[in-house]
Amino acid sequence: LPPEFGTHEPYITYVDTASSTMDIALKHALKGAPDGSIFIAEHQTQGRGRKSRPWISLRGNLLFTLLTRPRLPFHSYYTLVQSAHLALAKTLQELCPQAEISAKWPNDILINRKKAAGILAEAMIAHDELSWLSIGIGINIKHKTDESHTTCLYEACPNLPPRAKILTSFIDTFNKAKAQPDLLIAFEKRHALWQRKNLVCLLILPDGTAKKGRVKKVDSLGQLHFQALDNPEQCLVVSASDASLEYYSQSD
């Protein structure tokens, strides 16, 4: 384990190169790895995001998966994932107070309206209970892709703390949020884009259809309630596996 991440951290597994930290977490979860285990890689050859989209994994960024064993009903899945999503946004906001940090449904973190981090979750359910939940996180620290809609923490906050500080700050915030479910409510109201009712976004449906409208809410199952501008009387309810929000824009 590199000194950067501590030399006496029994719950951290570090590798230089992996197909994905999610793959490592899966292997260890099936072998009984304990709650709170963390798997870090410098480089991923098959990093992935939602819907198996490739996640470009550049060295020097922070790529890890947190394994939890919550022993909660399976319907708690989204509550935990959303807590991780908001906990990550809150961590980055506290470390980069001068930047505009926002959480975008269902799994992105934006810095100054550009993507800087993402979350992927996978779970094992047994007897209607979450046997384990893996939360994979990729954060652009000092490097980003060439795409114009991406950014990195360093661009917004040149005086960044070490990656280990970012990691431990997130873990601490997430653990507090699990113990105190109301902890992130105020932060969500200020920093979650789905809370901004004056934002117009483009909803992409499974068949490729795009609808312009506004988000009404995200429910306890993580489903998006969407009001299309061309049919305001109808409320579409879609899941993250079925749809995506490609962008948000300010509108009256």
C-alpha atoms as a PDB file:
ATOM      1  CA  LEU A   1       0.000   0.000   0.000  1.00  0.00           C
ATOM      2  CA  PRO A   2       1.516   3.373  -0.991  1.00  0.00           C
ATOM      3  CA  PRO A   3       2.309   5.677   1.959  1.00  0.00           C
ATOM      4  CA  GLU A   4      -0.169   8.163   0.480  1.00  0.00           C
ATOM      5  CA  PHE A   5      -3.032   5.951   1.629  1.00  0.00           C
ATOM      6  CA  GLY A   6      -1.480   4.931   4.949  1.00  0.00           C
ATOM      7  CA  THR A   7       0.644   1.933   5.820  1.00  0.00           C
ATOM      8  CA  HIS A   8      -1.648   0.360   8.429  1.00  0.00           C
ATOM      9  CA  GLU A   9      -5.044   0.328   6.737  1.00  0.00           C
ATOM     10  CA  PRO A  10      -6.275  -3.283   6.829  1.00  0.00           C
ATOM     11  CA  TYR A  11      -9.476  -2.485   4.951  1.00  0.00           C
ATOM     12  CA  ILE A  12      -7.747  -0.927   1.932  1.00  0.00           C
ATOM     13  CA  THR A  13      -6.700  -3.067  -1.024  1.00  0.00           C
ATOM     14  CA  TYR A  14      -4.529  -1.193  -3.533  1.00  0.00           C
ATOM     15  CA  VAL A  15      -3.463  -2.342  -6.991  1.00  0.00           C
ATOM     16  CA  ASP A  16      -1.667  -0.513  -9.751  1.00  0.00           C
ATOM     17  CA  THR A  17      -3.806  -1.852 -12.598  1.00  0.00           C
ATOM     18  CA  ALA A  18      -7.162  -3.620 -12.600  1.00  0.00           C
ATOM     19  CA  SER A  19      -9.937  -4.267 -15.062  1.00  0.00           C
ATOM     20  CA  SER A  20     -12.145  -2.295 -12.657  1.00  0.00           C
ATOM     21  CA  THR A  21     -12.255  -1.665  -8.916  1.00  0.00           C
ATOM     22  CA  MET A  22     -15.832  -2.955  -9.095  1.00  0.00           C
ATOM     23  CA  ASP A  23     -14.501  -6.294 -10.349  1.00  0.00           C
ATOM     24  CA  ILE A  24     -12.057  -6.466  -7.435  1.00  0.00           C
ATOM     25  CA  ALA A  25     -14.823  -5.598  -4.981  1.00  0.00           C
ATOM     26  CA  LEU A  26     -17.082  -8.305  -6.418  1.00  0.00           C
ATOM     27  CA  LYS A  27     -14.387 -10.948  -6.039  1.00  0.00           C
ATOM     28  CA  HIS A  28     -13.679  -9.960  -2.444  1.00  0.00           C
ATOM     29  CA  ALA A  29     -17.366  -9.575  -1.549  1.00  0.00           C
ATOM     30  CA  LEU A  30     -18.011 -13.161  -2.612  1.00  0.00           C
ATOM     31  CA  LYS A  31     -15.124 -14.228  -0.373  1.00  0.00           C
ATOM     32  CA  GLY A  32     -16.601 -12.447   2.632  1.00  0.00           C
ATOM     33  CA  ALA A  33     -14.675  -9.162   2.709  1.00  0.00           C
ATOM     34  CA  PRO A  34     -15.900  -7.059   5.649  1.00  0.00           C
ATOM     35  CA  ASP A  35     -18.092  -3.998   5.636  1.00  0.00           C
ATOM     36  CA  GLY A  36     -16.069  -0.870   4.886  1.00  0.00           C
ATOM     37  CA  SER A  37     -13.512  -2.550   2.631  1.00  0.00           C
ATOM     38  CA  ILE A  38     -12.035  -0.178   0.046  1.00  0.00           C
ATOM     39  CA  PHE A  39     -10.466  -1.161  -3.268  1.00  0.00           C
ATOM     40  CA  ILE A  40      -8.249   1.351  -5.082  1.00  0.00           C
ATOM     41  CA  ALA A  41      -6.592   1.197  -8.501  1.00  0.00           C
ATOM     42  CA  GLU A  42      -4.275   3.642 -10.232  1.00  0.00           C
ATOM     43  CA  HIS A  43      -5.497   2.532 -13.635  1.00  0.00           C
ATOM     44  CA  GLN A  44      -8.484   0.592 -14.931  1.00  0.00           C
ATOM     45  CA  THR A  45      -8.357  -1.204 -18.255  1.00  0.00           C
ATOM     46  CA  GLN A  46     -12.131  -1.685 -18.370  1.00  0.00           C
ATOM     47  CA  GLY A  47     -13.480   1.095 -16.174  1.00  0.00           C
ATOM     48  CA  ARG A  48     -17.213   1.457 -16.606  1.00  0.00           C
ATOM     49  CA  GLY A  49     -20.040   3.745 -15.723  1.00  0.00           C
ATOM     50  CA  ARG A  50     -23.786   3.474 -15.914  1.00  0.00           C
ATOM     51  CA  LYS A  51     -25.189   1.213 -18.650  1.00  0.00           C
ATOM     52  CA  SER A  52     -21.654  -0.250 -19.028  1.00  0.00           C
ATOM     53  CA  ARG A  53     -20.432   2.917 -20.700  1.00  0.00           C
ATOM     54  CA  PRO A  54     -16.623   3.131 -20.611  1.00  0.00           C
ATOM     55  CA  TRP A  55     -15.083   5.327 -17.916  1.00  0.00           C
ATOM     56  CA  ILE A  56     -11.703   6.603 -19.063  1.00  0.00           C
ATOM     57  CA  SER A  57      -9.370   5.995 -16.127  1.00  0.00           C
ATOM     58  CA  LEU A  58      -6.297   8.231 -16.172  1.00  0.00           C
ATOM     59  CA  ARG A  59      -3.456   7.786 -13.696  1.00  0.00           C
ATOM     60  CA  GLY A  60      -3.374  10.297 -10.881  1.00  0.00           C
ATOM     61  CA  ASN A  61      -7.133  10.406 -10.522  1.00  0.00           C
ATOM     62  CA  LEU A  62      -8.987   8.694  -7.676  1.00  0.00           C
ATOM     63  CA  LEU A  63     -10.602   5.382  -8.600  1.00  0.00           C
ATOM     64  CA  PHE A  64     -12.056   3.238  -5.833  1.00  0.00           C
ATOM     65  CA  THR A  65     -14.926   1.035  -4.726  1.00  0.00           C
ATOM     66  CA  LEU A  66     -16.395   0.956  -1.234  1.00  0.00           C
ATOM     67  CA  LEU A  67     -17.947  -2.332  -0.122  1.00  0.00           C
ATOM     68  CA  THR A  68     -20.759  -2.076   2.415  1.00  0.00           C
ATOM     69  CA  ARG A  69     -22.802  -4.774   4.122  1.00  0.00           C
ATOM     70  CA  PRO A  70     -25.809  -2.765   5.289  1.00  0.00           C
ATOM     71  CA  ARG A  71     -28.158  -5.606   6.339  1.00  0.00           C
ATOM     72  CA  LEU A  72     -31.135  -3.541   5.245  1.00  0.00           C
ATOM     73  CA  PRO A  73     -34.203  -4.359   3.118  1.00  0.00           C
ATOM     74  CA  PHE A  74     -33.393  -4.402  -0.586  1.00  0.00           C
ATOM     75  CA  HIS A  75     -35.573  -1.334  -1.197  1.00  0.00           C
ATOM     76  CA  SER A  76     -33.004   0.691   0.799  1.00  0.00           C
ATOM     77  CA  TYR A  77     -30.649   0.351  -2.179  1.00  0.00           C
ATOM     78  CA  TYR A  78     -31.373   3.724  -3.728  1.00  0.00           C
ATOM     79  CA  THR A  79     -31.387   5.569  -0.408  1.00  0.00           C
ATOM     80  CA  LEU A  80     -27.824   4.386   0.218  1.00  0.00           C
ATOM     81  CA  VAL A  81     -26.683   5.168  -3.324  1.00  0.00           C
ATOM     82  CA  GLN A  82     -28.186   8.651  -3.176  1.00  0.00           C
ATOM     83  CA  SER A  83     -26.516   9.200   0.206  1.00  0.00           C
ATOM     84  CA  ALA A  84     -23.179   8.292  -1.379  1.00  0.00           C
ATOM     85  CA  HIS A  85     -23.902  10.580  -4.339  1.00  0.00           C
ATOM     86  CA  LEU A  86     -24.695  13.552  -2.111  1.00  0.00           C
ATOM     87  CA  ALA A  87     -21.906  12.726   0.360  1.00  0.00           C
ATOM     88  CA  LEU A  88     -19.398  12.865  -2.488  1.00  0.00           C
ATOM     89  CA  ALA A  89     -20.755  16.193  -3.708  1.00  0.00           C
ATOM     90  CA  LYS A  90     -20.654  17.584  -0.168  1.00  0.00           C
ATOM     91  CA  THR A  91     -17.080  16.361   0.317  1.00  0.00           C
ATOM     92  CA  LEU A  92     -15.917  18.070  -2.864  1.00  0.00           C
ATOM     93  CA  GLN A  93     -17.785  21.268  -1.983  1.00  0.00           C
ATOM     94  CA  GLU A  94     -16.079  21.416   1.405  1.00  0.00           C
ATOM     95  CA  LEU A  95     -12.658  20.782  -0.145  1.00  0.00           C
ATOM     96  CA  CYS A  96     -13.277  23.267  -2.983  1.00  0.00           C
ATOM     97  CA  PRO A  97     -15.548  25.929  -1.441  1.00  0.00           C
ATOM     98  CA  GLN A  98     -14.907  28.397  -4.266  1.00  0.00           C
ATOM     99  CA  ALA A  99     -16.262  26.003  -6.910  1.00  0.00           C
ATOM    100  CA  GLU A 100     -19.870  25.360  -7.914  1.00  0.00           C
ATOM    101  CA  ILE A 101     -20.466  21.705  -7.054  1.00  0.00           C
ATOM    102  CA  SER A 102     -23.733  20.047  -8.048  1.00  0.00           C
ATOM    103  CA  ALA A 103     -25.208  16.549  -8.088  1.00  0.00           C
ATOM    104  CA  LYS A 104     -26.898  15.509 -11.333  1.00  0.00           C
ATOM    105  CA  TRP A 105     -29.356  12.623 -11.594  1.00  0.00           C
ATOM    106  CA  PRO A 106     -28.679   9.808 -11.470  1.00  0.00           C
ATOM    107  CA  ASN A 107     -24.945   9.518 -10.740  1.00  0.00           C
ATOM    108  CA  ASP A 108     -22.817  12.480 -11.833  1.00  0.00           C
ATOM    109  CA  ILE A 109     -20.992  15.211  -9.937  1.00  0.00           C
ATOM    110  CA  LEU A 110     -20.505  18.482 -11.802  1.00  0.00           C
ATOM    111  CA  ILE A 111     -17.948  21.169 -11.034  1.00  0.00           C
ATOM    112  CA  ASN A 112     -18.807  24.507 -12.588  1.00  0.00           C
ATOM    113  CA  ARG A 113     -21.350  22.622 -14.757  1.00  0.00           C
ATOM    114  CA  LYS A 114     -18.835  20.124 -16.138  1.00  0.00           C
ATOM    115  CA  LYS A 115     -18.598  16.446 -15.197  1.00  0.00           C
ATOM    116  CA  ALA A 116     -15.825  15.698 -12.710  1.00  0.00           C
ATOM    117  CA  ALA A 117     -16.931  12.501 -10.989  1.00  0.00           C
ATOM    118  CA  GLY A 118     -19.346   9.620 -11.263  1.00  0.00           C
ATOM    119  CA  ILE A 119     -20.807   6.826  -9.161  1.00  0.00           C
ATOM    120  CA  LEU A 120     -21.690   3.240 -10.050  1.00  0.00           C
ATOM    121  CA  ALA A 121     -23.456   0.847  -7.675  1.00  0.00           C
ATOM    122  CA  GLU A 122     -23.906  -2.920  -7.739  1.00  0.00           C
ATOM    123  CA  ALA A 123     -25.566  -5.098  -5.111  1.00  0.00           C
ATOM    124  CA  MET A 124     -26.275  -8.660  -4.080  1.00  0.00           C
ATOM    125  CA  ILE A 125     -29.753  -9.315  -2.696  1.00  0.00           C
ATOM    126  CA  ALA A 126     -30.516 -12.392  -0.591  1.00  0.00           C
ATOM    127  CA  HIS A 127     -33.838 -13.092   1.139  1.00  0.00           C
ATOM    128  CA  ASP A 128     -35.103  -9.570   0.358  1.00  0.00           C
ATOM    129  CA  GLU A 129     -32.067  -8.076   2.094  1.00  0.00           C
ATOM    130  CA  LEU A 130     -29.016  -6.259   0.780  1.00  0.00           C
ATOM    131  CA  SER A 131     -26.275  -8.812   1.326  1.00  0.00           C
ATOM    132  CA  TRP A 132     -23.715  -6.297   0.111  1.00  0.00           C
ATOM    133  CA  LEU A 133     -23.550  -3.074  -1.867  1.00  0.00           C
ATOM    134  CA  SER A 134     -20.522  -1.911  -3.846  1.00  0.00           C
ATOM    135  CA  ILE A 135     -20.235   1.801  -4.571  1.00  0.00           C
ATOM    136  CA  GLY A 136     -17.683   2.598  -7.256  1.00  0.00           C
ATOM    137  CA  ILE A 137     -16.413   6.150  -7.587  1.00  0.00           C
ATOM    138  CA  GLY A 138     -14.203   7.818 -10.155  1.00  0.00           C
ATOM    139  CA  ILE A 139     -12.996  11.369  -9.540  1.00  0.00           C
ATOM    140  CA  ASN A 140     -11.002  13.433 -12.008  1.00  0.00           C
ATOM    141  CA  ILE A 141      -8.308  14.876  -9.750  1.00  0.00           C
ATOM    142  CA  LYS A 142      -5.670  16.411 -12.020  1.00  0.00           C
ATOM    143  CA  HIS A 143      -6.524  14.814 -15.324  1.00  0.00           C
ATOM    144  CA  LYS A 144      -9.613  14.804 -17.517  1.00  0.00           C
ATOM    145  CA  THR A 145     -10.588  13.532 -20.931  1.00  0.00           C
ATOM    146  CA  ASP A 146     -10.419  15.750 -23.994  1.00  0.00           C
ATOM    147  CA  GLU A 147     -14.197  16.089 -24.067  1.00  0.00           C
ATOM    148  CA  SER A 148     -15.420  19.651 -23.556  1.00  0.00           C
ATOM    149  CA  HIS A 149     -18.043  18.692 -20.962  1.00  0.00           C
ATOM    150  CA  THR A 150     -15.521  17.252 -18.479  1.00  0.00           C
ATOM    151  CA  THR A 151     -13.296  18.913 -15.906  1.00  0.00           C
ATOM    152  CA  CYS A 152     -11.084  18.010 -12.946  1.00  0.00           C
ATOM    153  CA  LEU A 153     -10.772  19.171  -9.348  1.00  0.00           C
ATOM    154  CA  TYR A 154      -7.413  20.811  -9.941  1.00  0.00           C
ATOM    155  CA  GLU A 155      -8.912  23.274 -12.442  1.00  0.00           C
ATOM    156  CA  ALA A 156     -11.347  24.523  -9.800  1.00  0.00           C
ATOM    157  CA  CYS A 157      -9.134  24.096  -6.748  1.00  0.00           C
ATOM    158  CA  PRO A 158      -5.353  24.200  -7.412  1.00  0.00           C
ATOM    159  CA  ASN A 159      -4.567  23.782  -3.684  1.00  0.00           C
ATOM    160  CA  LEU A 160      -6.042  20.316  -3.468  1.00  0.00           C
ATOM    161  CA  PRO A 161      -5.378  18.058  -0.485  1.00  0.00           C
ATOM    162  CA  PRO A 162      -3.879  14.602  -1.144  1.00  0.00           C
ATOM    163  CA  ARG A 163      -6.124  11.944  -2.638  1.00  0.00           C
ATOM    164  CA  ALA A 164      -6.153  10.105   0.689  1.00  0.00           C
ATOM    165  CA  LYS A 165      -7.746  13.137   2.339  1.00  0.00           C
ATOM    166  CA  ILE A 166     -10.448  13.242  -0.328  1.00  0.00           C
ATOM    167  CA  LEU A 167     -11.097   9.531   0.185  1.00  0.00           C
ATOM    168  CA  THR A 168     -11.269   9.655   3.985  1.00  0.00           C
ATOM    169  CA  SER A 169     -13.410  12.803   3.933  1.00  0.00           C
ATOM    170  CA  PHE A 170     -15.926  11.076   1.670  1.00  0.00           C
ATOM    171  CA  ILE A 171     -16.001   7.917   3.798  1.00  0.00           C
ATOM    172  CA  ASP A 172     -16.531   9.988   6.942  1.00  0.00           C
ATOM    173  CA  THR A 173     -19.369  12.014   5.387  1.00  0.00           C
ATOM    174  CA  PHE A 174     -21.036   8.905   3.966  1.00  0.00           C
ATOM    175  CA  ASN A 175     -20.865   7.049   7.289  1.00  0.00           C
ATOM    176  CA  LYS A 176     -22.385  10.032   9.090  1.00  0.00           C
ATOM    177  CA  ALA A 177     -25.159  10.214   6.492  1.00  0.00           C
ATOM    178  CA  LYS A 178     -25.980   6.532   7.000  1.00  0.00           C
ATOM    179  CA  ALA A 179     -26.268   7.097  10.739  1.00  0.00           C
ATOM    180  CA  GLN A 180     -28.196  10.371  10.365  1.00  0.00           C
ATOM    181  CA  PRO A 181     -30.499  10.110   7.321  1.00  0.00           C
ATOM    182  CA  ASP A 182     -31.486  13.799   7.534  1.00  0.00           C
ATOM    183  CA  LEU A 183     -27.885  15.020   7.469  1.00  0.00           C
ATOM    184  CA  LEU A 184     -27.803  15.759   3.734  1.00  0.00           C
ATOM    185  CA  ILE A 185     -31.287  17.250   3.283  1.00  0.00           C
ATOM    186  CA  ALA A 186     -30.167  20.886   3.405  1.00  0.00           C
ATOM    187  CA  PHE A 187     -27.206  20.174   1.132  1.00  0.00           C
ATOM    188  CA  GLU A 188     -29.469  18.373  -1.350  1.00  0.00           C
ATOM    189  CA  LYS A 189     -31.810  21.359  -1.560  1.00  0.00           C
ATOM    190  CA  ARG A 190     -28.909  23.653  -2.442  1.00  0.00           C
ATOM    191  CA  HIS A 191     -26.748  21.439  -4.625  1.00  0.00           C
ATOM    192  CA  ALA A 192     -28.926  18.763  -6.278  1.00  0.00           C
ATOM    193  CA  LEU A 193     -29.976  19.821  -9.755  1.00  0.00           C
ATOM    194  CA  TRP A 194     -33.189  17.814  -9.454  1.00  0.00           C
ATOM    195  CA  GLN A 195     -34.254  20.261  -6.742  1.00  0.00           C
ATOM    196  CA  ARG A 196     -34.071  23.262  -9.075  1.00  0.00           C
ATOM    197  CA  LYS A 197     -37.536  23.549 -10.540  1.00  0.00           C
ATOM    198  CA  ASN A 198     -36.610  26.366 -12.944  1.00  0.00           C
ATOM    199  CA  LEU A 199     -34.078  24.241 -14.820  1.00  0.00           C
ATOM    200  CA  VAL A 200     -35.077  22.805 -18.171  1.00  0.00           C
ATOM    201  CA  CYS A 201     -33.447  19.532 -19.172  1.00  0.00           C
ATOM    202  CA  LEU A 202     -33.494  17.008 -21.969  1.00  0.00           C
ATOM    203  CA  LEU A 203     -34.748  13.546 -21.027  1.00  0.00           C
ATOM    204  CA  ILE A 204     -33.510  10.753 -23.297  1.00  0.00           C
ATOM    205  CA  LEU A 205     -35.845   7.747 -23.305  1.00  0.00           C
ATOM    206  CA  PRO A 206     -34.845   4.134 -24.152  1.00  0.00           C
ATOM    207  CA  ASP A 207     -36.075   4.426 -27.746  1.00  0.00           C
ATOM    208  CA  GLY A 208     -33.896   7.501 -28.284  1.00  0.00           C
ATOM    209  CA  THR A 209     -36.770   9.948 -28.012  1.00  0.00           C
ATOM    210  CA  ALA A 210     -35.770  13.242 -26.408  1.00  0.00           C
ATOM    211  CA  LYS A 211     -38.221  15.268 -24.373  1.00  0.00           C
ATOM    212  CA  LYS A 212     -37.660  18.758 -23.062  1.00  0.00           C
ATOM    213  CA  GLY A 213     -39.099  19.545 -19.668  1.00  0.00           C
ATOM    214  CA  ARG A 214     -38.573  19.925 -15.946  1.00  0.00           C
ATOM    215  CA  VAL A 215     -37.866  17.512 -13.125  1.00  0.00           C
ATOM    216  CA  LYS A 216     -40.654  17.416 -10.551  1.00  0.00           C
ATOM    217  CA  LYS A 217     -38.868  15.148  -8.090  1.00  0.00           C
ATOM    218  CA  VAL A 218     -36.748  12.053  -7.556  1.00  0.00           C
ATOM    219  CA  ASP A 219     -38.629   9.535  -5.426  1.00  0.00           C
ATOM    220  CA  SER A 220     -37.418   7.094  -2.771  1.00  0.00           C
ATOM    221  CA  LEU A 221     -36.756   4.438  -5.421  1.00  0.00           C
ATOM    222  CA  GLY A 222     -34.541   6.769  -7.439  1.00  0.00           C
ATOM    223  CA  GLN A 223     -37.135   7.226 -10.169  1.00  0.00           C
ATOM    224  CA  LEU A 224     -37.314  10.552 -11.950  1.00  0.00           C
ATOM    225  CA  HIS A 225     -40.703  12.285 -12.183  1.00  0.00           C
ATOM    226  CA  PHE A 226     -40.602  14.435 -15.296  1.00  0.00           C
ATOM    227  CA  GLN A 227     -43.000  17.033 -16.697  1.00  0.00           C
ATOM    228  CA  ALA A 228     -42.590  17.466 -20.448  1.00  0.00           C
ATOM    229  CA  LEU A 229     -43.061  20.976 -21.827  1.00  0.00           C
ATOM    230  CA  ASP A 230     -45.174  19.693 -24.716  1.00  0.00           C
ATOM    231  CA  ASN A 231     -47.586  17.874 -22.380  1.00  0.00           C
ATOM    232  CA  PRO A 232     -47.487  19.451 -18.912  1.00  0.00           C
ATOM    233  CA  GLU A 233     -50.524  17.484 -17.718  1.00  0.00           C
ATOM    234  CA  GLN A 234     -48.622  14.219 -18.030  1.00  0.00           C
ATOM    235  CA  CYS A 235     -45.950  13.122 -15.549  1.00  0.00           C
ATOM    236  CA  LEU A 236     -43.423  10.622 -16.857  1.00  0.00           C
ATOM    237  CA  VAL A 237     -41.839   8.334 -14.262  1.00  0.00           C
ATOM    238  CA  VAL A 238     -38.571   6.771 -15.405  1.00  0.00           C
ATOM    239  CA  SER A 239     -35.746   4.853 -13.767  1.00  0.00           C
ATOM    240  CA  ALA A 240     -32.028   5.439 -14.189  1.00  0.00           C
ATOM    241  CA  SER A 241     -31.741   2.183 -16.126  1.00  0.00           C
ATOM    242  CA  ASP A 242     -34.292   3.396 -18.680  1.00  0.00           C
ATOM    243  CA  ALA A 243     -33.407   7.029 -19.249  1.00  0.00           C
ATOM    244  CA  SER A 244     -30.822   9.743 -18.848  1.00  0.00           C
ATOM    245  CA  LEU A 245     -30.682  13.509 -18.579  1.00  0.00           C
ATOM    246  CA  GLU A 246     -28.207  14.748 -21.121  1.00  0.00           C
ATOM    247  CA  TYR A 247     -27.985  18.343 -19.958  1.00  0.00           C
ATOM    248  CA  TYR A 248     -29.592  21.062 -17.911  1.00  0.00           C
ATOM    249  CA  SER A 249     -30.066  24.667 -18.967  1.00  0.00           C
ATOM    250  CA  GLN A 250     -31.502  27.739 -17.287  1.00  0.00           C
ATOM    251  CA  SER A 251     -34.924  28.732 -18.511  1.00  0.00           C
ATOM    252  CA  ASP A 252     -38.018  30.555 -17.458  1.00  0.00           C
END
